N, C-alpha and C. Protein backbone atom coordinates (compact mmCIF):
# COMPACT_ATOMS: atom_id res chain seq x y z
N MET A 1 -5.54 35.53 71.58
CA MET A 1 -5.60 36.56 71.33
C MET A 1 -7.30 36.65 72.36
N ASP A 2 -7.91 37.41 73.05
CA ASP A 2 -8.78 37.41 73.32
C ASP A 2 -9.59 38.35 72.54
N GLU A 3 -11.12 38.13 72.32
CA GLU A 3 -12.03 38.24 71.20
C GLU A 3 -12.60 39.60 71.26
N PRO A 4 -12.35 40.65 71.51
CA PRO A 4 -12.57 42.24 71.33
C PRO A 4 -11.14 42.57 70.81
N LYS A 5 -9.69 41.84 71.28
CA LYS A 5 -8.89 42.59 70.10
C LYS A 5 -8.04 42.23 69.14
N LEU A 6 -9.20 40.63 68.95
CA LEU A 6 -9.20 40.17 67.74
C LEU A 6 -10.35 41.20 66.71
N GLU A 7 -11.50 41.06 67.15
CA GLU A 7 -12.06 42.10 66.26
C GLU A 7 -11.34 43.50 66.36
N GLU A 8 -10.62 44.20 67.00
CA GLU A 8 -9.68 45.58 66.54
C GLU A 8 -8.97 45.08 65.51
N THR A 9 -8.08 44.45 66.34
CA THR A 9 -7.33 43.96 65.10
C THR A 9 -7.54 43.73 63.92
N ASN A 10 -8.79 42.94 63.64
CA ASN A 10 -9.65 42.66 62.88
C ASN A 10 -9.64 43.80 61.49
N ARG A 11 -10.89 44.39 62.31
CA ARG A 11 -10.62 45.70 62.12
C ARG A 11 -10.12 46.10 60.97
N LYS A 12 -9.01 47.16 62.24
CA LYS A 12 -8.26 47.99 61.57
C LYS A 12 -7.32 46.82 60.13
N LEU A 13 -7.24 45.58 59.76
CA LEU A 13 -6.89 44.82 58.94
C LEU A 13 -7.57 45.02 57.53
N ALA A 14 -8.61 45.00 57.79
CA ALA A 14 -9.88 45.25 57.06
C ALA A 14 -9.67 46.79 56.42
N GLU A 15 -9.46 47.68 57.10
CA GLU A 15 -9.51 49.66 57.16
C GLU A 15 -8.21 49.62 56.03
N ARG A 16 -7.48 48.82 56.13
CA ARG A 16 -5.68 48.66 55.41
C ARG A 16 -6.22 47.72 54.07
N LEU A 17 -6.38 46.66 54.14
CA LEU A 17 -7.08 46.03 53.24
C LEU A 17 -8.03 46.95 52.09
N PHE A 18 -9.29 47.22 52.78
CA PHE A 18 -9.56 48.65 51.83
C PHE A 18 -9.36 49.45 50.73
N GLU A 19 -7.85 50.31 51.96
CA GLU A 19 -7.31 51.10 51.22
C GLU A 19 -7.14 50.84 50.03
N ALA A 20 -6.21 49.59 50.04
CA ALA A 20 -5.17 48.90 49.69
C ALA A 20 -6.14 48.96 47.86
N PHE A 21 -6.35 47.98 47.95
CA PHE A 21 -8.08 47.58 47.00
C PHE A 21 -8.02 49.18 46.40
N ARG A 22 -8.88 50.50 46.72
CA ARG A 22 -8.79 51.33 46.61
C ARG A 22 -7.70 52.19 45.15
N ALA A 23 -6.31 51.55 46.45
CA ALA A 23 -5.77 52.38 45.50
C ALA A 23 -5.29 51.81 44.11
N VAL A 24 -5.10 50.57 43.92
CA VAL A 24 -4.68 49.96 42.80
C VAL A 24 -6.06 48.76 41.88
N GLY A 25 -7.55 50.02 42.32
CA GLY A 25 -8.37 49.01 41.18
C GLY A 25 -8.39 50.25 40.52
N PRO A 26 -8.27 50.95 40.56
CA PRO A 26 -8.14 52.05 38.83
C PRO A 26 -6.87 52.01 37.97
N ILE A 27 -5.89 50.87 38.07
CA ILE A 27 -4.57 51.12 37.56
C ILE A 27 -4.74 50.96 35.99
N ARG A 28 -5.57 49.92 35.69
CA ARG A 28 -5.70 50.35 33.59
C ARG A 28 -6.16 52.07 33.57
N ARG A 29 -6.74 52.42 34.62
CA ARG A 29 -6.73 53.97 33.91
C ARG A 29 -5.73 55.45 33.99
N ARG A 30 -4.34 54.63 34.74
CA ARG A 30 -3.25 55.05 34.64
C ARG A 30 -2.48 55.63 33.38
N HIS A 31 -2.17 57.16 33.92
CA HIS A 31 -1.26 57.46 32.86
C HIS A 31 -0.17 56.43 31.85
N GLY A 32 -0.25 55.98 30.59
CA GLY A 32 0.11 55.29 30.19
C GLY A 32 0.16 53.70 30.31
N PHE A 33 -1.00 53.24 31.09
CA PHE A 33 -1.19 51.63 31.04
C PHE A 33 -2.49 51.63 30.47
N GLY A 34 -3.24 52.48 30.22
CA GLY A 34 -4.62 51.73 30.07
C GLY A 34 -5.23 51.97 28.19
N HIS A 35 -5.25 51.37 27.14
CA HIS A 35 -5.63 52.25 25.81
C HIS A 35 -6.98 52.68 25.95
N ALA A 36 -8.45 52.21 26.43
CA ALA A 36 -9.51 52.38 26.17
C ALA A 36 -10.08 53.56 27.10
N ALA A 37 -11.13 54.21 26.40
CA ALA A 37 -11.87 55.17 27.05
C ALA A 37 -12.31 55.34 28.60
N ARG A 38 -13.29 53.42 28.70
CA ARG A 38 -13.49 53.07 29.71
C ARG A 38 -13.23 51.56 29.69
N PRO A 39 -14.10 51.53 31.63
CA PRO A 39 -12.84 49.95 31.96
C PRO A 39 -14.08 49.25 30.62
N GLY A 40 -15.84 49.08 30.07
CA GLY A 40 -15.81 47.87 29.16
C GLY A 40 -15.72 47.66 28.67
N GLU A 41 -15.07 48.94 27.20
CA GLU A 41 -13.95 49.10 26.10
C GLU A 41 -13.50 48.05 25.96
N PHE A 42 -12.40 48.58 26.87
CA PHE A 42 -11.42 47.35 27.34
C PHE A 42 -11.40 46.23 27.83
N GLN A 43 -12.65 45.61 28.77
CA GLN A 43 -13.45 44.75 28.60
C GLN A 43 -13.35 43.52 27.46
N VAL A 44 -14.16 44.23 26.50
CA VAL A 44 -14.33 43.92 24.88
C VAL A 44 -13.55 43.41 23.96
N ILE A 45 -12.19 44.83 24.56
CA ILE A 45 -11.31 44.69 23.08
C ILE A 45 -10.70 43.24 23.72
N HIS A 46 -10.43 42.97 25.15
CA HIS A 46 -9.99 42.11 25.81
C HIS A 46 -10.72 40.84 25.49
N ARG A 47 -11.74 40.75 25.47
CA ARG A 47 -12.73 39.43 25.16
C ARG A 47 -12.18 38.83 23.67
N LEU A 48 -12.22 39.93 23.11
CA LEU A 48 -12.27 39.85 21.82
C LEU A 48 -11.06 39.40 20.50
N SER A 49 -10.07 39.76 21.94
CA SER A 49 -8.21 39.35 22.23
C SER A 49 -8.37 37.89 21.62
N HIS A 50 -9.21 36.89 22.52
CA HIS A 50 -9.14 36.21 22.60
C HIS A 50 -9.83 35.08 21.31
N GLU A 51 -10.10 35.66 19.81
CA GLU A 51 -11.36 34.54 19.42
C GLU A 51 -10.36 34.85 18.24
N GLU A 52 -9.99 33.91 17.16
CA GLU A 52 -8.91 34.10 16.27
C GLU A 52 -9.34 35.35 15.18
N PRO A 53 -7.85 35.66 14.94
CA PRO A 53 -8.31 36.41 14.09
C PRO A 53 -8.73 36.30 12.97
N GLY A 54 -9.76 37.47 12.92
CA GLY A 54 -10.63 37.83 12.09
C GLY A 54 -12.13 36.40 12.75
N LEU A 55 -12.27 35.86 13.34
CA LEU A 55 -13.40 35.60 13.57
C LEU A 55 -14.20 37.17 14.88
N GLY A 56 -15.18 36.78 15.45
CA GLY A 56 -15.12 37.15 16.78
C GLY A 56 -16.74 36.43 17.35
N LEU A 57 -17.66 37.44 17.66
CA LEU A 57 -18.94 37.30 19.06
C LEU A 57 -19.80 38.15 18.67
N ARG A 58 -20.71 37.32 18.87
CA ARG A 58 -22.24 38.06 18.82
C ARG A 58 -22.51 39.21 19.91
N VAL A 59 -22.97 40.23 20.04
CA VAL A 59 -23.06 41.24 21.08
C VAL A 59 -23.46 40.43 22.41
N GLY A 60 -25.02 39.22 21.69
CA GLY A 60 -25.00 39.03 22.69
C GLY A 60 -24.54 37.90 23.30
N ASP A 61 -23.90 37.35 23.24
CA ASP A 61 -22.50 36.65 24.00
C ASP A 61 -21.51 37.26 24.61
N LEU A 62 -21.54 38.75 24.12
CA LEU A 62 -20.17 39.31 24.66
C LEU A 62 -20.97 39.95 26.00
N ALA A 63 -22.56 40.16 25.54
CA ALA A 63 -22.93 41.15 26.94
C ALA A 63 -23.89 39.66 28.19
N ALA A 64 -23.64 38.17 27.35
CA ALA A 64 -23.09 37.56 28.92
C ALA A 64 -22.43 37.27 29.46
N TRP A 65 -20.96 37.12 28.49
CA TRP A 65 -19.65 37.65 29.13
C TRP A 65 -19.59 38.34 30.50
N LEU A 66 -19.68 40.10 29.48
CA LEU A 66 -19.77 41.13 30.69
C LEU A 66 -20.16 40.90 31.90
N GLY A 67 -21.51 39.97 31.79
CA GLY A 67 -22.71 40.22 32.78
C GLY A 67 -23.40 41.40 32.61
N VAL A 68 -23.62 41.84 31.16
CA VAL A 68 -24.52 43.49 31.41
C VAL A 68 -26.08 42.94 29.66
N LYS A 69 -26.24 43.98 29.88
CA LYS A 69 -27.61 43.65 28.80
C LYS A 69 -26.50 44.34 27.74
N PRO A 70 -27.64 43.57 26.33
CA PRO A 70 -26.89 44.10 24.91
C PRO A 70 -26.88 45.41 24.42
N PRO A 71 -27.84 46.50 24.89
CA PRO A 71 -27.82 48.20 24.71
C PRO A 71 -26.58 48.16 25.40
N THR A 72 -26.26 48.04 26.34
CA THR A 72 -24.53 47.82 26.83
C THR A 72 -23.80 47.53 25.90
N VAL A 73 -23.52 47.12 25.60
CA VAL A 73 -22.42 46.25 24.87
C VAL A 73 -22.63 46.99 23.83
N THR A 74 -23.99 47.23 23.14
CA THR A 74 -24.22 47.94 21.99
C THR A 74 -23.17 49.94 21.80
N LYS A 75 -23.58 50.59 23.02
CA LYS A 75 -23.07 51.21 23.12
C LYS A 75 -21.25 50.98 23.07
N LEU A 76 -20.86 49.91 23.83
CA LEU A 76 -19.31 49.96 24.25
C LEU A 76 -18.81 49.57 22.64
N VAL A 77 -20.02 49.02 21.69
CA VAL A 77 -19.23 48.54 20.33
C VAL A 77 -19.55 49.75 19.25
N ASP A 78 -20.21 50.54 19.59
CA ASP A 78 -19.91 51.91 19.25
C ASP A 78 -19.33 52.77 18.83
N ALA A 79 -18.73 52.78 20.55
CA ALA A 79 -18.00 54.47 20.90
C ALA A 79 -16.31 53.34 19.68
N LEU A 80 -16.37 51.73 19.98
CA LEU A 80 -14.90 50.97 19.97
C LEU A 80 -15.48 51.54 17.97
N GLU A 81 -16.76 51.32 17.62
CA GLU A 81 -16.42 51.60 15.87
C GLU A 81 -15.84 52.16 15.01
N SER A 82 -16.36 53.48 16.09
CA SER A 82 -15.73 54.60 16.00
C SER A 82 -15.00 54.95 15.57
N ARG A 83 -13.92 54.36 16.23
CA ARG A 83 -12.10 54.62 16.44
C ARG A 83 -11.29 53.76 15.15
N GLU A 84 -12.51 52.75 14.64
CA GLU A 84 -11.95 51.69 13.94
C GLU A 84 -11.45 50.32 15.08
N LEU A 85 -11.37 50.66 16.17
CA LEU A 85 -11.10 49.29 16.33
C LEU A 85 -11.57 47.80 16.38
N VAL A 86 -12.65 47.86 16.64
CA VAL A 86 -13.82 46.60 15.81
C VAL A 86 -14.15 46.76 14.57
N GLU A 87 -14.88 45.87 14.30
CA GLU A 87 -15.56 45.49 12.98
C GLU A 87 -16.94 44.95 13.60
N ARG A 88 -17.96 45.38 12.52
CA ARG A 88 -18.64 44.81 12.78
C ARG A 88 -19.12 43.55 11.21
N TYR A 89 -20.13 42.66 11.42
CA TYR A 89 -19.76 41.55 10.08
C TYR A 89 -21.01 40.98 10.45
N ALA A 90 -21.81 40.54 9.58
CA ALA A 90 -22.81 39.32 9.35
C ALA A 90 -22.06 38.03 9.90
N ASP A 91 -23.13 37.16 10.60
CA ASP A 91 -22.29 36.20 10.81
C ASP A 91 -23.72 34.88 9.67
N GLY A 92 -22.60 34.39 8.91
CA GLY A 92 -22.59 32.90 7.81
C GLY A 92 -23.21 32.04 8.38
N ASP A 93 -23.94 31.80 9.56
CA ASP A 93 -24.74 30.70 9.67
C ASP A 93 -26.65 31.69 9.74
N ASP A 94 -26.31 32.91 9.92
CA ASP A 94 -27.27 33.32 10.68
C ASP A 94 -27.65 34.56 10.91
N ARG A 95 -27.94 35.11 9.15
CA ARG A 95 -28.53 36.10 8.51
C ARG A 95 -28.77 37.37 9.42
N ARG A 96 -29.54 36.62 9.81
CA ARG A 96 -29.84 37.88 10.85
C ARG A 96 -29.21 38.38 12.10
N ALA A 97 -28.40 37.63 12.37
CA ALA A 97 -27.13 38.43 13.59
C ALA A 97 -26.24 38.98 13.11
N ILE A 98 -25.35 39.95 13.78
CA ILE A 98 -24.17 40.99 13.64
C ILE A 98 -23.40 40.05 14.75
N ARG A 99 -21.87 40.02 13.83
CA ARG A 99 -20.68 40.09 15.45
C ARG A 99 -19.87 41.17 14.97
N VAL A 100 -19.02 40.64 16.23
CA VAL A 100 -18.45 41.88 16.32
C VAL A 100 -16.40 41.36 16.07
N ARG A 101 -15.43 41.79 15.47
CA ARG A 101 -14.66 41.03 16.17
C ARG A 101 -13.30 42.69 16.23
N LEU A 102 -12.35 42.26 16.25
CA LEU A 102 -11.43 43.54 16.40
C LEU A 102 -10.86 43.66 14.66
N SER A 103 -10.85 45.39 14.56
CA SER A 103 -9.66 45.04 13.54
C SER A 103 -8.29 45.45 13.50
N ALA A 104 -7.21 45.52 12.58
CA ALA A 104 -6.23 45.21 12.87
C ALA A 104 -5.68 46.39 13.76
N ALA A 105 -6.09 47.00 13.97
CA ALA A 105 -5.51 48.78 14.76
C ALA A 105 -6.13 48.39 16.29
N GLY A 106 -7.73 46.80 16.67
CA GLY A 106 -7.85 47.42 17.40
C GLY A 106 -6.62 45.54 18.05
N ARG A 107 -6.40 44.95 17.48
CA ARG A 107 -5.53 43.69 17.33
C ARG A 107 -4.76 43.92 18.16
N ASP A 108 -4.02 45.08 17.64
CA ASP A 108 -2.54 46.08 17.63
C ASP A 108 -2.31 46.34 19.18
N MET A 109 -3.85 46.64 19.24
CA MET A 109 -3.87 48.39 21.07
C MET A 109 -4.09 46.80 21.54
N ALA A 110 -4.70 45.51 21.56
CA ALA A 110 -5.25 44.47 22.50
C ALA A 110 -3.15 43.96 22.68
N GLU A 111 -3.12 43.47 21.76
CA GLU A 111 -1.45 42.44 21.75
C GLU A 111 -0.59 44.00 22.47
N SER A 112 -0.62 45.23 22.47
CA SER A 112 0.41 46.19 22.85
C SER A 112 -0.21 46.58 24.96
N PHE A 113 -1.43 46.39 24.73
CA PHE A 113 -1.92 47.08 26.47
C PHE A 113 -1.76 45.29 26.87
N HIS A 114 -1.66 44.03 26.17
CA HIS A 114 -0.95 42.51 27.15
C HIS A 114 0.35 42.97 27.67
N GLU A 115 1.09 43.22 26.75
CA GLU A 115 2.51 43.60 26.65
C GLU A 115 2.77 44.75 27.90
N ARG A 116 2.02 45.11 27.83
CA ARG A 116 2.36 46.45 28.49
C ARG A 116 2.06 45.80 30.10
N ALA A 117 0.51 45.51 30.32
CA ALA A 117 0.29 44.68 31.47
C ALA A 117 0.83 43.64 32.42
N LEU A 118 1.74 43.15 30.98
CA LEU A 118 2.37 41.56 30.93
C LEU A 118 4.03 42.12 32.27
N GLU A 119 4.86 43.57 31.21
CA GLU A 119 5.64 44.35 31.68
C GLU A 119 5.46 45.07 33.40
N GLU A 120 4.37 46.14 32.77
CA GLU A 120 4.16 46.29 34.39
C GLU A 120 3.73 44.87 35.88
N SER A 121 3.62 43.58 35.34
CA SER A 121 3.79 42.92 36.44
C SER A 121 4.54 42.22 36.54
N GLU A 122 5.63 42.53 35.75
CA GLU A 122 7.33 42.41 35.74
C GLU A 122 7.68 43.03 36.62
N ARG A 123 7.46 44.06 36.64
CA ARG A 123 7.84 45.24 37.82
C ARG A 123 7.88 44.93 38.98
N LEU A 124 6.06 44.86 39.31
CA LEU A 124 5.49 44.86 40.61
C LEU A 124 6.78 43.56 41.57
N ILE A 125 6.59 41.95 40.26
CA ILE A 125 7.19 41.41 40.56
C ILE A 125 8.64 41.33 41.12
N ALA A 126 9.43 42.28 40.41
CA ALA A 126 10.78 42.92 41.19
C ALA A 126 10.75 43.12 41.79
N TYR A 127 9.90 44.13 42.28
CA TYR A 127 10.10 45.15 43.57
C TYR A 127 9.31 44.16 44.72
N LEU A 128 8.20 43.26 44.75
CA LEU A 128 7.72 42.55 45.71
C LEU A 128 9.06 41.65 45.91
N GLY A 129 9.43 40.50 44.68
CA GLY A 129 10.31 40.28 45.01
C GLY A 129 9.62 38.67 45.00
N ALA A 130 10.36 37.63 44.47
CA ALA A 130 9.29 36.46 43.26
C ALA A 130 8.53 35.59 44.90
N GLU A 131 9.45 35.70 46.01
CA GLU A 131 8.60 35.00 46.83
C GLU A 131 7.05 35.66 47.15
N ASP A 132 7.02 37.13 47.52
CA ASP A 132 6.30 37.76 47.75
C ASP A 132 5.14 38.05 46.66
N GLY A 133 5.93 37.93 45.27
CA GLY A 133 4.77 37.61 43.64
C GLY A 133 4.09 36.92 44.16
N GLU A 134 5.12 35.33 44.14
CA GLU A 134 4.46 34.53 44.25
C GLU A 134 2.76 33.92 45.24
N ARG A 135 2.74 34.88 46.16
CA ARG A 135 1.95 34.68 47.52
C ARG A 135 1.18 35.80 46.50
N LEU A 136 1.02 36.65 46.64
CA LEU A 136 0.26 37.84 46.10
C LEU A 136 -0.93 37.02 45.03
N ALA A 137 -0.02 36.70 44.33
CA ALA A 137 -0.64 35.94 42.91
C ALA A 137 -1.75 34.87 43.58
N GLU A 138 -1.13 34.33 44.82
CA GLU A 138 -1.44 33.40 45.14
C GLU A 138 -3.60 33.32 46.04
N LEU A 139 -2.80 34.38 46.91
CA LEU A 139 -3.64 35.59 47.38
C LEU A 139 -4.73 36.30 46.96
N LEU A 140 -4.36 36.75 45.80
CA LEU A 140 -5.62 37.29 44.82
C LEU A 140 -6.16 36.18 44.17
N THR A 141 -5.45 35.84 43.65
CA THR A 141 -6.58 33.83 42.90
C THR A 141 -7.80 33.48 44.12
N ARG A 142 -7.08 33.45 45.77
CA ARG A 142 -8.12 33.51 46.41
C ARG A 142 -8.99 34.05 46.39
N THR A 143 -9.18 35.53 46.75
CA THR A 143 -9.48 36.61 46.90
C THR A 143 -11.14 36.58 46.09
N ALA A 144 -10.30 35.88 44.82
CA ALA A 144 -11.21 36.02 43.75
C ALA A 144 -11.95 35.06 43.88
N ALA A 145 -11.20 34.30 44.58
CA ALA A 145 -12.82 32.91 44.34
C ALA A 145 -13.70 33.70 45.30
N PHE A 146 -13.29 34.33 46.15
CA PHE A 146 -14.22 33.90 47.55
C PHE A 146 -15.01 35.16 47.08
N PHE A 147 -14.51 36.29 46.29
CA PHE A 147 -15.40 37.16 46.10
C PHE A 147 -16.66 35.95 44.53
N ALA A 148 -15.96 35.85 43.85
CA ALA A 148 -17.21 35.20 43.70
C ALA A 148 -18.16 33.74 43.79
N GLU A 149 -17.68 34.00 45.26
CA GLU A 149 -18.46 32.31 46.16
C GLU A 149 -19.71 33.54 46.08
N ARG A 150 -19.44 34.61 46.79
CA ARG A 150 -20.40 34.96 47.11
C ARG A 150 -20.86 36.22 46.14
N TYR A 151 -20.81 36.58 45.27
CA TYR A 151 -21.75 37.89 44.38
C TYR A 151 -21.54 37.24 42.95
N GLY A 152 -20.88 36.05 42.51
CA GLY A 152 -20.97 35.58 41.24
C GLY A 152 -20.10 35.75 41.03
N PRO A 153 -19.60 35.59 39.38
CA PRO A 153 -18.22 36.10 39.17
C PRO A 153 -17.87 37.26 38.76
N ALA A 154 -16.94 38.42 38.35
CA ALA A 154 -17.19 39.32 37.99
C ALA A 154 -17.38 39.33 36.45
N CYS A 155 -16.51 38.41 35.63
CA CYS A 155 -17.37 38.57 34.08
C CYS A 155 -17.42 36.96 34.26
N PRO A 156 -18.70 36.75 33.89
CA PRO A 156 -19.09 35.52 34.37
C PRO A 156 -18.52 34.08 33.55
N GLY A 157 -18.63 35.00 31.83
CA GLY A 157 -17.41 33.68 31.04
C GLY A 157 -15.79 33.51 30.76
N ARG A 158 -15.29 32.88 30.79
CA ARG A 158 -14.29 33.35 30.41
C ARG A 158 -13.38 33.13 29.44
N CYS A 159 -12.20 34.08 29.08
CA CYS A 159 -11.11 34.12 27.46
C CYS A 159 -11.00 32.53 27.03
N PRO A 160 -11.72 32.53 26.25
CA PRO A 160 -10.42 31.02 25.61
C PRO A 160 -8.91 31.19 26.25
N GLY A 161 -8.19 30.14 26.45
CA GLY A 161 -6.84 30.16 27.41
C GLY A 161 -6.32 30.14 28.28
N HIS A 162 -7.48 30.79 28.82
CA HIS A 162 -7.11 31.18 30.39
C HIS A 162 -7.77 29.77 31.55
N ASP A 163 -6.89 29.67 32.45
CA ASP A 163 -6.53 28.46 32.98
C ASP A 163 -8.19 28.67 34.50
N GLU A 164 -8.30 27.69 35.03
CA GLU A 164 -9.23 28.13 36.10
C GLU A 164 -9.14 29.19 37.32
N ARG A 165 -7.68 29.33 37.54
CA ARG A 165 -7.47 30.46 38.31
C ARG A 165 -7.52 32.03 37.31
N GLY A 166 -7.48 31.72 36.05
CA GLY A 166 -7.78 32.88 35.58
C GLY A 166 -6.26 33.28 34.65
N ALA A 167 -5.36 32.73 34.87
CA ALA A 167 -4.11 33.11 34.44
C ALA A 167 -3.91 32.65 32.83
N GLU A 168 -3.02 33.09 32.26
CA GLU A 168 -2.94 32.68 31.13
C GLU A 168 -1.85 30.96 30.87
């Protein structure tokens, strides 16, 4: 294919890809699929769900994991605490530090979300077929690696229990 034709083809493909990303991007906010009022709240619940029950993280650790400043996490934690999804407690090793952990309701919500997300993913695999589902997973993993190389990871930290590709 000659250079101008290749550029035009790539441009059209880039437009299709852009529209596909735009269409699936807000999936967590779709009816019946998301629990948290804001995406940041979802991220905090998700991250805390990977801690042992009863344990938590300091706000500064959550902020570092999310790649935001601590006051941003404090606002998220305040909102989640007002809905009784997280609890603050004193760090046993450092009396000055406050930790955040999921409440029983928060853990139930995280488990429910995880189950619903897996069910939705299984529906997508059934729709696509196993071969295309595998291909999509591989392409999305490579896409995440591409953007992480260009801009840094979307979430600088990894949840415990996730392998290098971000899967459990």
